[in-house]
């Protein structure tokens, strides 16, 4: 994928699948596969091999953790009304050290406010 509009730390809502309607914070983004991991969404049970930690306690067994979900199945939540929105970028000129510099700002299309 060339670019992803969803970044780590964004609050997103799931649009399709078994967790439809749930919201959560993006934990990680994988640009190669086009998937994001969302906190509390798409939880799966993994069987991990039993072992011992350095203190001698038993580790392993059943571990419940989040699995990645495709980026097309989530949308960023607009902070003004807590509803999913698309993202566009707006170019602003900022003066730094006496020079004009163009910066991109992420904007929610629903309200037009910065994200």
PDB file of N, CA and C in Angstrom:
ATOM      1  N   UNK A   1       0.842  -1.185   0.000  1.00  0.00           N
ATOM      2  CA  UNK A   1       0.000   0.000   0.000  1.00  0.00           C
ATOM      3  C   UNK A   1       0.882   1.241   0.000  1.00  0.00           C
ATOM      4  N   UNK A   2       0.514   2.202  -0.785  1.00  0.00           N
ATOM      5  CA  UNK A   2       1.318   3.412  -0.912  1.00  0.00           C
ATOM      6  C   UNK A   2       1.227   4.264   0.345  1.00  0.00           C
ATOM      7  N   UNK A   3       0.008   4.584   0.772  1.00  0.00           N
ATOM      8  CA  UNK A   3      -0.126   5.409   1.964  1.00  0.00           C
ATOM      9  C   UNK A   3      -1.344   4.970   2.749  1.00  0.00           C
ATOM     10  N   UNK A   4      -1.271   5.185   4.050  1.00  0.00           N
ATOM     11  CA  UNK A   4      -2.381   4.864   4.932  1.00  0.00           C
ATOM     12  C   UNK A   4      -2.771   6.129   5.657  1.00  0.00           C
ATOM     13  N   UNK A   5      -4.047   6.375   5.741  1.00  0.00           N
ATOM     14  CA  UNK A   5      -4.505   7.577   6.421  1.00  0.00           C
ATOM     15  C   UNK A   5      -4.714   7.343   7.904  1.00  0.00           C
ATOM     16  N   UNK A   6      -4.703   6.081   8.321  1.00  0.00           N
ATOM     17  CA  UNK A   6      -4.872   5.744   9.736  1.00  0.00           C
ATOM     18  C   UNK A   6      -3.489   5.557  10.339  1.00  0.00           C
ATOM     19  N   UNK A   7      -3.287   6.177  11.490  1.00  0.00           N
ATOM     20  CA  UNK A   7      -1.988   6.130  12.146  1.00  0.00           C
ATOM     21  C   UNK A   7      -2.123   5.563  13.554  1.00  0.00           C
ATOM     22  N   UNK A   8      -0.998   5.172  14.118  1.00  0.00           N
ATOM     23  CA  UNK A   8      -0.959   4.649  15.471  1.00  0.00           C
ATOM     24  C   UNK A   8      -1.449   5.721  16.445  1.00  0.00           C
ATOM     25  N   UNK A   9      -2.338   5.335  17.357  1.00  0.00           N
ATOM     26  CA  UNK A   9      -2.878   6.268  18.337  1.00  0.00           C
ATOM     27  C   UNK A   9      -4.229   6.836  17.960  1.00  0.00           C
ATOM     28  N   UNK A  10      -4.671   6.656  16.699  1.00  0.00           N
ATOM     29  CA  UNK A  10      -5.991   7.135  16.288  1.00  0.00           C
ATOM     30  C   UNK A  10      -7.091   6.314  16.965  1.00  0.00           C
ATOM     31  N   UNK A  11      -8.219   6.950  17.219  1.00  0.00           N
ATOM     32  CA  UNK A  11      -9.403   6.239  17.690  1.00  0.00           C
ATOM     33  C   UNK A  11     -10.234   5.887  16.469  1.00  0.00           C
ATOM     34  N   UNK A  12     -10.502   4.587  16.296  1.00  0.00           N
ATOM     35  CA  UNK A  12     -11.213   4.126  15.114  1.00  0.00           C
ATOM     36  C   UNK A  12     -12.445   3.327  15.511  1.00  0.00           C
ATOM     37  N   UNK A  13     -13.376   3.209  14.561  1.00  0.00           N
ATOM     38  CA  UNK A  13     -14.575   2.405  14.750  1.00  0.00           C
ATOM     39  C   UNK A  13     -14.578   1.317  13.685  1.00  0.00           C
ATOM     40  N   UNK A  14     -14.960   0.094  14.087  1.00  0.00           N
ATOM     41  CA  UNK A  14     -15.009  -1.030  13.158  1.00  0.00           C
ATOM     42  C   UNK A  14     -16.299  -0.941  12.357  1.00  0.00           C
ATOM     43  N   UNK A  15     -16.194  -1.038  11.018  1.00  0.00           N
ATOM     44  CA  UNK A  15     -17.344  -0.890  10.138  1.00  0.00           C
ATOM     45  C   UNK A  15     -17.989  -2.223   9.783  1.00  0.00           C
ATOM     46  N   UNK A  16     -17.209  -3.296   9.683  1.00  0.00           N
ATOM     47  CA  UNK A  16     -17.736  -4.599   9.293  1.00  0.00           C
ATOM     48  C   UNK A  16     -17.123  -5.697  10.133  1.00  0.00           C
ATOM     49  N   UNK A  17     -17.751  -6.873  10.093  1.00  0.00           N
ATOM     50  CA  UNK A  17     -17.207  -8.035  10.773  1.00  0.00           C
ATOM     51  C   UNK A  17     -17.874  -8.302  12.109  1.00  0.00           C
ATOM     52  N   UNK A  18     -17.293  -9.234  12.860  1.00  0.00           N
ATOM     53  CA  UNK A  18     -17.898  -9.667  14.119  1.00  0.00           C
ATOM     54  C   UNK A  18     -17.857  -8.582  15.199  1.00  0.00           C
ATOM     55  N   UNK A  19     -16.946  -7.638  15.072  1.00  0.00           N
ATOM     56  CA  UNK A  19     -16.819  -6.562  16.059  1.00  0.00           C
ATOM     57  C   UNK A  19     -17.376  -5.242  15.547  1.00  0.00           C
ATOM     58  N   UNK A  20     -18.337  -5.298  14.632  1.00  0.00           N
ATOM     59  CA  UNK A  20     -18.903  -4.089  14.030  1.00  0.00           C
ATOM     60  C   UNK A  20     -19.465  -3.155  15.092  1.00  0.00           C
ATOM     61  N   UNK A  21     -19.111  -1.858  14.980  1.00  0.00           N
ATOM     62  CA  UNK A  21     -19.601  -0.858  15.910  1.00  0.00           C
ATOM     63  C   UNK A  21     -18.682  -0.579  17.079  1.00  0.00           C
ATOM     64  N   UNK A  22     -17.720  -1.452  17.343  1.00  0.00           N
ATOM     65  CA  UNK A  22     -16.807  -1.229  18.467  1.00  0.00           C
ATOM     66  C   UNK A  22     -15.780  -0.165  18.105  1.00  0.00           C
ATOM     67  N   UNK A  23     -15.365   0.589  19.115  1.00  0.00           N
ATOM     68  CA  UNK A  23     -14.323   1.582  18.920  1.00  0.00           C
ATOM     69  C   UNK A  23     -13.111   1.217  19.758  1.00  0.00           C
ATOM     70  N   UNK A  24     -11.959   1.650  19.323  1.00  0.00           N
ATOM     71  CA  UNK A  24     -10.731   1.389  20.053  1.00  0.00           C
ATOM     72  C   UNK A  24      -9.589   2.202  19.490  1.00  0.00           C
ATOM     73  N   UNK A  25      -8.478   2.146  20.189  1.00  0.00           N
ATOM     74  CA  UNK A  25      -7.288   2.891  19.811  1.00  0.00           C
ATOM     75  C   UNK A  25      -6.381   1.990  18.973  1.00  0.00           C
ATOM     76  N   UNK A  26      -5.770   2.537  17.933  1.00  0.00           N
ATOM     77  CA  UNK A  26      -4.882   1.774  17.060  1.00  0.00           C
ATOM     78  C   UNK A  26      -3.581   1.518  17.802  1.00  0.00           C
ATOM     79  N   UNK A  27      -3.222   0.228  17.929  1.00  0.00           N
ATOM     80  CA  UNK A  27      -1.993  -0.164  18.621  1.00  0.00           C
ATOM     81  C   UNK A  27      -0.819  -0.183  17.651  1.00  0.00           C
ATOM     82  N   UNK A  28      -1.045  -0.767  16.456  1.00  0.00           N
ATOM     83  CA  UNK A  28       0.033  -0.848  15.474  1.00  0.00           C
ATOM     84  C   UNK A  28      -0.540  -0.806  14.067  1.00  0.00           C
ATOM     85  N   UNK A  29       0.312  -0.386  13.122  1.00  0.00           N
ATOM     86  CA  UNK A  29      -0.068  -0.289  11.714  1.00  0.00           C
ATOM     87  C   UNK A  29       0.969  -1.035  10.895  1.00  0.00           C
ATOM     88  N   UNK A  30       0.511  -1.930  10.014  1.00  0.00           N
ATOM     89  CA  UNK A  30       1.404  -2.659   9.119  1.00  0.00           C
ATOM     90  C   UNK A  30       1.109  -2.203   7.696  1.00  0.00           C
ATOM     91  N   UNK A  31       1.996  -1.406   7.123  1.00  0.00           N
ATOM     92  CA  UNK A  31       1.766  -0.833   5.800  1.00  0.00           C
ATOM     93  C   UNK A  31       1.918  -1.870   4.694  1.00  0.00           C
ATOM     94  N   UNK A  32       2.756  -2.887   4.894  1.00  0.00           N
ATOM     95  CA  UNK A  32       2.975  -3.904   3.855  1.00  0.00           C
ATOM     96  C   UNK A  32       1.719  -4.732   3.615  1.00  0.00           C
ATOM     97  N   UNK A  33       1.031  -5.122   4.686  1.00  0.00           N
ATOM     98  CA  UNK A  33      -0.159  -5.960   4.551  1.00  0.00           C
ATOM     99  C   UNK A  33      -1.450  -5.153   4.551  1.00  0.00           C
ATOM    100  N   UNK A  34      -1.374  -3.872   4.893  1.00  0.00           N
ATOM    101  CA  UNK A  34      -2.564  -3.032   4.921  1.00  0.00           C
ATOM    102  C   UNK A  34      -3.484  -3.350   6.080  1.00  0.00           C
ATOM    103  N   UNK A  35      -2.905  -3.695   7.220  1.00  0.00           N
ATOM    104  CA  UNK A  35      -3.703  -4.071   8.387  1.00  0.00           C
ATOM    105  C   UNK A  35      -3.335  -3.222   9.603  1.00  0.00           C
ATOM    106  N   UNK A  36      -4.316  -3.073  10.488  1.00  0.00           N
ATOM    107  CA  UNK A  36      -4.101  -2.350  11.740  1.00  0.00           C
ATOM    108  C   UNK A  36      -4.550  -3.233  12.895  1.00  0.00           C
ATOM    109  N   UNK A  37      -3.914  -3.052  14.039  1.00  0.00           N
ATOM    110  CA  UNK A  37      -4.313  -3.752  15.258  1.00  0.00           C
ATOM    111  C   UNK A  37      -4.977  -2.744  16.168  1.00  0.00           C
ATOM    112  N   UNK A  38      -6.215  -3.049  16.580  1.00  0.00           N
ATOM    113  CA  UNK A  38      -7.014  -2.131  17.379  1.00  0.00           C
ATOM    114  C   UNK A  38      -7.214  -2.724  18.768  1.00  0.00           C
ATOM    115  N   UNK A  39      -7.074  -1.871  19.770  1.00  0.00           N
ATOM    116  CA  UNK A  39      -7.188  -2.289  21.166  1.00  0.00           C
ATOM    117  C   UNK A  39      -8.608  -2.785  21.468  1.00  0.00           C
ATOM    118  N   UNK A  40      -8.717  -4.038  21.945  1.00  0.00           N
ATOM    119  CA  UNK A  40     -10.000  -4.601  22.344  1.00  0.00           C
ATOM    120  C   UNK A  40     -10.862  -5.109  21.208  1.00  0.00           C
ATOM    121  N   UNK A  41     -10.347  -5.121  19.979  1.00  0.00           N
ATOM    122  CA  UNK A  41     -11.119  -5.541  18.811  1.00  0.00           C
ATOM    123  C   UNK A  41     -10.439  -6.747  18.165  1.00  0.00           C
ATOM    124  N   UNK A  42     -11.236  -7.687  17.639  1.00  0.00           N
ATOM    125  CA  UNK A  42     -10.745  -8.886  16.961  1.00  0.00           C
ATOM    126  C   UNK A  42      -9.829  -9.690  17.871  1.00  0.00           C
ATOM    127  N   UNK A  43     -10.316  -9.982  19.069  1.00  0.00           N
ATOM    128  CA  UNK A  43      -9.529 -10.735  20.039  1.00  0.00           C
ATOM    129  C   UNK A  43      -9.577 -12.218  19.711  1.00  0.00           C
ATOM    130  N   UNK A  44      -8.405 -12.850  19.688  1.00  0.00           N
ATOM    131  CA  UNK A  44      -8.288 -14.266  19.378  1.00  0.00           C
ATOM    132  C   UNK A  44      -7.538 -14.961  20.509  1.00  0.00           C
ATOM    133  N   UNK A  45      -7.755 -16.277  20.629  1.00  0.00           N
ATOM    134  CA  UNK A  45      -7.086 -17.069  21.646  1.00  0.00           C
ATOM    135  C   UNK A  45      -5.906 -17.785  21.012  1.00  0.00           C
ATOM    136  N   UNK A  46      -4.724 -17.574  21.564  1.00  0.00           N
ATOM    137  CA  UNK A  46      -3.520 -18.241  21.079  1.00  0.00           C
ATOM    138  C   UNK A  46      -3.065 -19.254  22.105  1.00  0.00           C
ATOM    139  N   UNK A  47      -2.617 -20.395  21.608  1.00  0.00           N
ATOM    140  CA  UNK A  47      -2.056 -21.431  22.472  1.00  0.00           C
ATOM    141  C   UNK A  47      -0.545 -21.263  22.465  1.00  0.00           C
ATOM    142  N   UNK A  48       0.023 -20.921  23.616  1.00  0.00           N
ATOM    143  CA  UNK A  48       1.470 -20.738  23.689  1.00  0.00           C
ATOM    144  C   UNK A  48       2.086 -21.871  24.487  1.00  0.00           C
ATOM    145  N   UNK A  49       3.288 -22.232  24.095  1.00  0.00           N
ATOM    146  CA  UNK A  49       3.971 -23.351  24.698  1.00  0.00           C
ATOM    147  C   UNK A  49       4.334 -23.029  26.152  1.00  0.00           C
ATOM    148  N   UNK A  50       4.150 -23.998  27.039  1.00  0.00           N
ATOM    149  CA  UNK A  50       4.442 -23.809  28.458  1.00  0.00           C
ATOM    150  C   UNK A  50       5.945 -23.736  28.665  1.00  0.00           C
ATOM    151  N   UNK A  51       6.350 -22.865  29.585  1.00  0.00           N
ATOM    152  CA  UNK A  51       7.754 -22.709  29.909  1.00  0.00           C
ATOM    153  C   UNK A  51       7.889 -22.079  31.283  1.00  0.00           C
ATOM    154  N   UNK A  52       9.093 -21.633  31.615  1.00  0.00           N
ATOM    155  CA  UNK A  52       9.332 -20.987  32.896  1.00  0.00           C
ATOM    156  C   UNK A  52      10.013 -19.652  32.664  1.00  0.00           C
ATOM    157  N   UNK A  53       9.613 -18.659  33.476  1.00  0.00           N
ATOM    158  CA  UNK A  53      10.283 -17.368  33.398  1.00  0.00           C
ATOM    159  C   UNK A  53      11.541 -17.411  34.249  1.00  0.00           C
ATOM    160  N   UNK A  54      12.266 -16.310  34.279  1.00  0.00           N
ATOM    161  CA  UNK A  54      13.516 -16.279  35.039  1.00  0.00           C
ATOM    162  C   UNK A  54      13.272 -16.413  36.543  1.00  0.00           C
ATOM    163  N   UNK A  55      12.075 -16.027  37.006  1.00  0.00           N
ATOM    164  CA  UNK A  55      11.763 -16.150  38.434  1.00  0.00           C
ATOM    165  C   UNK A  55      11.257 -17.541  38.800  1.00  0.00           C
ATOM    166  N   UNK A  56      10.986 -18.366  37.804  1.00  0.00           N
ATOM    167  CA  UNK A  56      10.548 -19.724  38.087  1.00  0.00           C
ATOM    168  C   UNK A  56       9.048 -19.928  37.968  1.00  0.00           C
ATOM    169  N   UNK A  57       8.301 -18.871  37.623  1.00  0.00           N
ATOM    170  CA  UNK A  57       6.855 -19.024  37.484  1.00  0.00           C
ATOM    171  C   UNK A  57       6.534 -19.642  36.129  1.00  0.00           C
ATOM    172  N   UNK A  58       5.416 -20.347  36.072  1.00  0.00           N
ATOM    173  CA  UNK A  58       5.006 -21.005  34.840  1.00  0.00           C
ATOM    174  C   UNK A  58       4.420 -19.978  33.862  1.00  0.00           C
ATOM    175  N   UNK A  59       4.784 -20.096  32.602  1.00  0.00           N
ATOM    176  CA  UNK A  59       4.229 -19.234  31.566  1.00  0.00           C
ATOM    177  C   UNK A  59       3.590 -20.120  30.505  1.00  0.00           C
ATOM    178  N   UNK A  60       2.808 -19.491  29.632  1.00  0.00           N
ATOM    179  CA  UNK A  60       2.212 -20.246  28.543  1.00  0.00           C
ATOM    180  C   UNK A  60       0.752 -20.557  28.811  1.00  0.00           C
ATOM    181  N   UNK A  61       0.187 -21.393  27.961  1.00  0.00           N
ATOM    182  CA  UNK A  61      -1.221 -21.731  28.071  1.00  0.00           C
ATOM    183  C   UNK A  61      -2.030 -20.944  27.060  1.00  0.00           C
ATOM    184  N   UNK A  62      -3.255 -20.587  27.434  1.00  0.00           N
ATOM    185  CA  UNK A  62      -4.124 -19.821  26.550  1.00  0.00           C
ATOM    186  C   UNK A  62      -3.924 -18.335  26.785  1.00  0.00           C
ATOM    187  N   UNK A  63      -3.630 -17.605  25.705  1.00  0.00           N
ATOM    188  CA  UNK A  63      -3.415 -16.168  25.780  1.00  0.00           C
ATOM    189  C   UNK A  63      -4.395 -15.500  24.828  1.00  0.00           C
ATOM    190  N   UNK A  64      -5.172 -14.533  25.331  1.00  0.00           N
ATOM    191  CA  UNK A  64      -6.113 -13.798  24.493  1.00  0.00           C
ATOM    192  C   UNK A  64      -5.451 -12.482  24.097  1.00  0.00           C
ATOM    193  N   UNK A  65      -5.379 -12.228  22.771  1.00  0.00           N
ATOM    194  CA  UNK A  65      -4.750 -11.003  22.296  1.00  0.00           C
ATOM    195  C   UNK A  65      -5.456 -10.514  21.044  1.00  0.00           C
ATOM    196  N   UNK A  66      -5.150  -9.271  20.651  1.00  0.00           N
ATOM    197  CA  UNK A  66      -5.761  -8.673  19.475  1.00  0.00           C
ATOM    198  C   UNK A  66      -5.059  -9.158  18.211  1.00  0.00           C
ATOM    199  N   UNK A  67      -5.853  -9.417  17.172  1.00  0.00           N
ATOM    200  CA  UNK A  67      -5.318  -9.792  15.873  1.00  0.00           C
ATOM    201  C   UNK A  67      -5.520  -8.617  14.914  1.00  0.00           C
ATOM    202  N   UNK A  68      -4.692  -8.525  13.872  1.00  0.00           N
ATOM    203  CA  UNK A  68      -4.836  -7.416  12.919  1.00  0.00           C
ATOM    204  C   UNK A  68      -6.148  -7.491  12.144  1.00  0.00           C
ATOM    205  N   UNK A  69      -6.641  -6.332  11.745  1.00  0.00           N
ATOM    206  CA  UNK A  69      -7.862  -6.214  10.958  1.00  0.00           C
ATOM    207  C   UNK A  69      -7.531  -5.327   9.755  1.00  0.00           C
ATOM    208  N   UNK A  70      -8.174  -5.594   8.623  1.00  0.00           N
ATOM    209  CA  UNK A  70      -7.843  -4.838   7.415  1.00  0.00           C
ATOM    210  C   UNK A  70      -8.245  -3.379   7.573  1.00  0.00           C
ATOM    211  N   UNK A  71      -7.435  -2.489   7.016  1.00  0.00           N
ATOM    212  CA  UNK A  71      -7.631  -1.056   7.195  1.00  0.00           C
ATOM    213  C   UNK A  71      -8.943  -0.571   6.563  1.00  0.00           C
ATOM    214  N   UNK A  72      -9.448  -1.284   5.551  1.00  0.00           N
ATOM    215  CA  UNK A  72     -10.694  -0.867   4.909  1.00  0.00           C
ATOM    216  C   UNK A  72     -11.907  -1.127   5.794  1.00  0.00           C
ATOM    217  N   UNK A  73     -11.737  -1.918   6.842  1.00  0.00           N
ATOM    218  CA  UNK A  73     -12.851  -2.248   7.726  1.00  0.00           C
ATOM    219  C   UNK A  73     -12.956  -1.332   8.938  1.00  0.00           C
ATOM    220  N   UNK A  74     -12.099  -0.318   9.012  1.00  0.00           N
ATOM    221  CA  UNK A  74     -12.150   0.633  10.125  1.00  0.00           C
ATOM    222  C   UNK A  74     -12.181   2.052   9.578  1.00  0.00           C
ATOM    223  N   UNK A  75     -12.724   2.970  10.383  1.00  0.00           N
ATOM    224  CA  UNK A  75     -12.756   4.388  10.022  1.00  0.00           C
ATOM    225  C   UNK A  75     -12.425   5.208  11.254  1.00  0.00           C
ATOM    226  N   UNK A  76     -11.729   6.305  11.050  1.00  0.00           N
ATOM    227  CA  UNK A  76     -11.353   7.185  12.151  1.00  0.00           C
ATOM    228  C   UNK A  76     -12.603   7.860  12.713  1.00  0.00           C
ATOM    229  N   UNK A  77     -12.656   7.982  14.037  1.00  0.00           N
ATOM    230  CA  UNK A  77     -13.788   8.614  14.704  1.00  0.00           C
ATOM    231  C   UNK A  77     -13.539  10.113  14.778  1.00  0.00           C
ATOM    232  N   UNK A  78     -14.541  10.892  14.331  1.00  0.00           N
ATOM    233  CA  UNK A  78     -14.460  12.351  14.386  1.00  0.00           C
ATOM    234  C   UNK A  78     -14.605  12.796  15.839  1.00  0.00           C
ATOM    235  N   UNK A  79     -13.675  13.578  16.379  1.00  0.00           N
ATOM    236  CA  UNK A  79     -13.744  13.958  17.791  1.00  0.00           C
ATOM    237  C   UNK A  79     -14.933  14.856  18.134  1.00  0.00           C
ATOM    238  N   UNK A  80     -15.505  15.542  17.157  1.00  0.00           N
ATOM    239  CA  UNK A  80     -16.600  16.469  17.471  1.00  0.00           C
ATOM    240  C   UNK A  80     -17.911  15.752  17.758  1.00  0.00           C
ATOM    241  N   UNK A  81     -18.222  14.665  17.001  1.00  0.00           N
ATOM    242  CA  UNK A  81     -19.504  13.989  17.219  1.00  0.00           C
ATOM    243  C   UNK A  81     -19.383  12.478  17.424  1.00  0.00           C
ATOM    244  N   UNK A  82     -18.152  11.953  17.554  1.00  0.00           N
ATOM    245  CA  UNK A  82     -17.893  10.536  17.807  1.00  0.00           C
ATOM    246  C   UNK A  82     -18.541   9.618  16.782  1.00  0.00           C
ATOM    247  N   UNK A  83     -18.522  10.029  15.519  1.00  0.00           N
ATOM    248  CA  UNK A  83     -19.014   9.197  14.424  1.00  0.00           C
ATOM    249  C   UNK A  83     -17.882   8.998  13.421  1.00  0.00           C
ATOM    250  N   UNK A  84     -17.901   7.871  12.681  1.00  0.00           N
ATOM    251  CA  UNK A  84     -16.802   7.615  11.743  1.00  0.00           C
ATOM    252  C   UNK A  84     -16.768   8.637  10.606  1.00  0.00           C
ATOM    253  N   UNK A  85     -15.571   8.952  10.172  1.00  0.00           N
ATOM    254  CA  UNK A  85     -15.383   9.941   9.114  1.00  0.00           C
ATOM    255  C   UNK A  85     -14.221   9.534   8.221  1.00  0.00           C
ATOM    256  N   UNK A  86     -14.200  10.091   7.017  1.00  0.00           N
ATOM    257  CA  UNK A  86     -13.050   9.922   6.139  1.00  0.00           C
ATOM    258  C   UNK A  86     -12.036  11.021   6.477  1.00  0.00           C
ATOM    259  N   UNK A  87     -10.846  10.860   5.945  1.00  0.00           N
ATOM    260  CA  UNK A  87      -9.769  11.803   6.250  1.00  0.00           C
ATOM    261  C   UNK A  87      -9.270  12.437   4.970  1.00  0.00           C
ATOM    262  N   UNK A  88      -9.066  13.751   4.999  1.00  0.00           N
ATOM    263  CA  UNK A  88      -8.405  14.440   3.904  1.00  0.00           C
ATOM    264  C   UNK A  88      -7.283  15.277   4.513  1.00  0.00           C
ATOM    265  N   UNK A  89      -6.399  15.770   3.658  1.00  0.00           N
ATOM    266  CA  UNK A  89      -5.295  16.588   4.150  1.00  0.00           C
ATOM    267  C   UNK A  89      -5.426  17.995   3.610  1.00  0.00           C
ATOM    268  N   UNK A  90      -5.067  18.937   4.453  1.00  0.00           N
ATOM    269  CA  UNK A  90      -5.071  20.341   4.078  1.00  0.00           C
ATOM    270  C   UNK A  90      -3.640  20.857   4.211  1.00  0.00           C
ATOM    271  N   UNK A  91      -3.196  21.592   3.208  1.00  0.00           N
ATOM    272  CA  UNK A  91      -1.839  22.137   3.233  1.00  0.00           C
ATOM    273  C   UNK A  91      -1.887  23.540   3.814  1.00  0.00           C
ATOM    274  N   UNK A  92      -1.094  23.771   4.851  1.00  0.00           N
ATOM    275  CA  UNK A  92      -0.999  25.079   5.484  1.00  0.00           C
ATOM    276  C   UNK A  92       0.428  25.573   5.362  1.00  0.00           C
ATOM    277  N   UNK A  93       0.582  26.882   5.248  1.00  0.00           N
ATOM    278  CA  UNK A  93       1.923  27.459   5.231  1.00  0.00           C
ATOM    279  C   UNK A  93       2.222  28.020   6.613  1.00  0.00           C
ATOM    280  N   UNK A  94       3.343  27.600   7.145  1.00  0.00           N
ATOM    281  CA  UNK A  94       3.765  28.019   8.480  1.00  0.00           C
ATOM    282  C   UNK A  94       5.121  28.695   8.356  1.00  0.00           C
ATOM    283  N   UNK A  95       5.306  29.765   9.106  1.00  0.00           N
ATOM    284  CA  UNK A  95       6.584  30.468   9.062  1.00  0.00           C
ATOM    285  C   UNK A  95       7.470  29.974  10.188  1.00  0.00           C
ATOM    286  N   UNK A  96       8.618  29.398   9.793  1.00  0.00           N
ATOM    287  CA  UNK A  96       9.589  28.912  10.774  1.00  0.00           C
ATOM    288  C   UNK A  96      10.963  29.466  10.425  1.00  0.00           C
ATOM    289  N   UNK A  97      11.615  30.021  11.391  1.00  0.00           N
ATOM    290  CA  UNK A  97      12.955  30.581  11.223  1.00  0.00           C
ATOM    291  C   UNK A  97      12.998  31.597  10.085  1.00  0.00           C
ATOM    292  N   UNK A  98      11.922  32.353   9.924  1.00  0.00           N
ATOM    293  CA  UNK A  98      11.871  33.375   8.902  1.00  0.00           C
ATOM    294  C   UNK A  98      11.592  32.868   7.501  1.00  0.00           C
ATOM    295  N   UNK A  99      11.298  31.561   7.370  1.00  0.00           N
ATOM    296  CA  UNK A  99      11.008  30.991   6.059  1.00  0.00           C
ATOM    297  C   UNK A  99       9.601  30.415   6.042  1.00  0.00           C
ATOM    298  N   UNK A 100       8.976  30.417   4.876  1.00  0.00           N
ATOM    299  CA  UNK A 100       7.660  29.809   4.705  1.00  0.00           C
ATOM    300  C   UNK A 100       7.841  28.310   4.474  1.00  0.00           C
ATOM    301  N   UNK A 101       7.082  27.516   5.207  1.00  0.00           N
ATOM    302  CA  UNK A 101       7.178  26.071   5.067  1.00  0.00           C
ATOM    303  C   UNK A 101       5.770  25.503   4.964  1.00  0.00           C
ATOM    304  N   UNK A 102       5.545  24.593   4.014  1.00  0.00           N
ATOM    305  CA  UNK A 102       4.231  23.976   3.828  1.00  0.00           C
ATOM    306  C   UNK A 102       4.138  22.729   4.692  1.00  0.00           C
ATOM    307  N   UNK A 103       3.069  22.625   5.480  1.00  0.00           N
ATOM    308  CA  UNK A 103       2.830  21.446   6.302  1.00  0.00           C
ATOM    309  C   UNK A 103       1.455  20.890   5.990  1.00  0.00           C
ATOM    310  N   UNK A 104       1.329  19.574   6.122  1.00  0.00           N
ATOM    311  CA  UNK A 104       0.047  18.919   5.880  1.00  0.00           C
ATOM    312  C   UNK A 104      -0.641  18.643   7.206  1.00  0.00           C
ATOM    313  N   UNK A 105      -1.931  18.908   7.243  1.00  0.00           N
ATOM    314  CA  UNK A 105      -2.732  18.698   8.448  1.00  0.00           C
ATOM    315  C   UNK A 105      -3.853  17.728   8.103  1.00  0.00           C
ATOM    316  N   UNK A 106      -4.052  16.713   8.952  1.00  0.00           N
ATOM    317  CA  UNK A 106      -5.145  15.771   8.729  1.00  0.00           C
ATOM    318  C   UNK A 106      -6.451  16.377   9.216  1.00  0.00           C
ATOM    319  N   UNK A 107      -7.484  16.290   8.372  1.00  0.00           N
ATOM    320  CA  UNK A 107      -8.776  16.912   8.652  1.00  0.00           C
ATOM    321  C   UNK A 107      -9.871  15.873   8.451  1.00  0.00           C
ATOM    322  N   UNK A 108     -10.852  15.838   9.345  1.00  0.00           N
ATOM    323  CA  UNK A 108     -12.003  14.965   9.178  1.00  0.00           C
ATOM    324  C   UNK A 108     -12.986  15.587   8.197  1.00  0.00           C
ATOM    325  N   UNK A 109     -13.451  14.799   7.224  1.00  0.00           N
ATOM    326  CA  UNK A 109     -14.359  15.354   6.209  1.00  0.00           C
ATOM    327  C   UNK A 109     -15.739  15.622   6.774  1.00  0.00           C
ATOM    328  N   UNK A 110     -16.121  14.965   7.858  1.00  0.00           N
ATOM    329  CA  UNK A 110     -17.459  15.125   8.435  1.00  0.00           C
ATOM    330  C   UNK A 110     -17.663  16.525   9.015  1.00  0.00           C
ATOM    331  N   UNK A 111     -16.696  16.979   9.805  1.00  0.00           N
ATOM    332  CA  UNK A 111     -16.834  18.274  10.465  1.00  0.00           C
ATOM    333  C   UNK A 111     -15.876  19.329   9.935  1.00  0.00           C
ATOM    334  N   UNK A 112     -14.802  18.908   9.274  1.00  0.00           N
ATOM    335  CA  UNK A 112     -13.807  19.843   8.782  1.00  0.00           C
ATOM    336  C   UNK A 112     -12.816  20.263   9.842  1.00  0.00           C
ATOM    337  N   UNK A 113     -12.849  19.628  11.015  1.00  0.00           N
ATOM    338  CA  UNK A 113     -11.930  19.977  12.097  1.00  0.00           C
ATOM    339  C   UNK A 113     -10.680  19.096  12.033  1.00  0.00           C
ATOM    340  N   UNK A 114      -9.592  19.615  12.604  1.00  0.00           N
ATOM    341  CA  UNK A 114      -8.331  18.883  12.628  1.00  0.00           C
ATOM    342  C   UNK A 114      -8.453  17.651  13.503  1.00  0.00           C
ATOM    343  N   UNK A 115      -7.698  16.607  13.109  1.00  0.00           N
ATOM    344  CA  UNK A 115      -7.663  15.370  13.898  1.00  0.00           C
ATOM    345  C   UNK A 115      -6.425  15.334  14.763  1.00  0.00           C
TER     346      UNK A 115
END
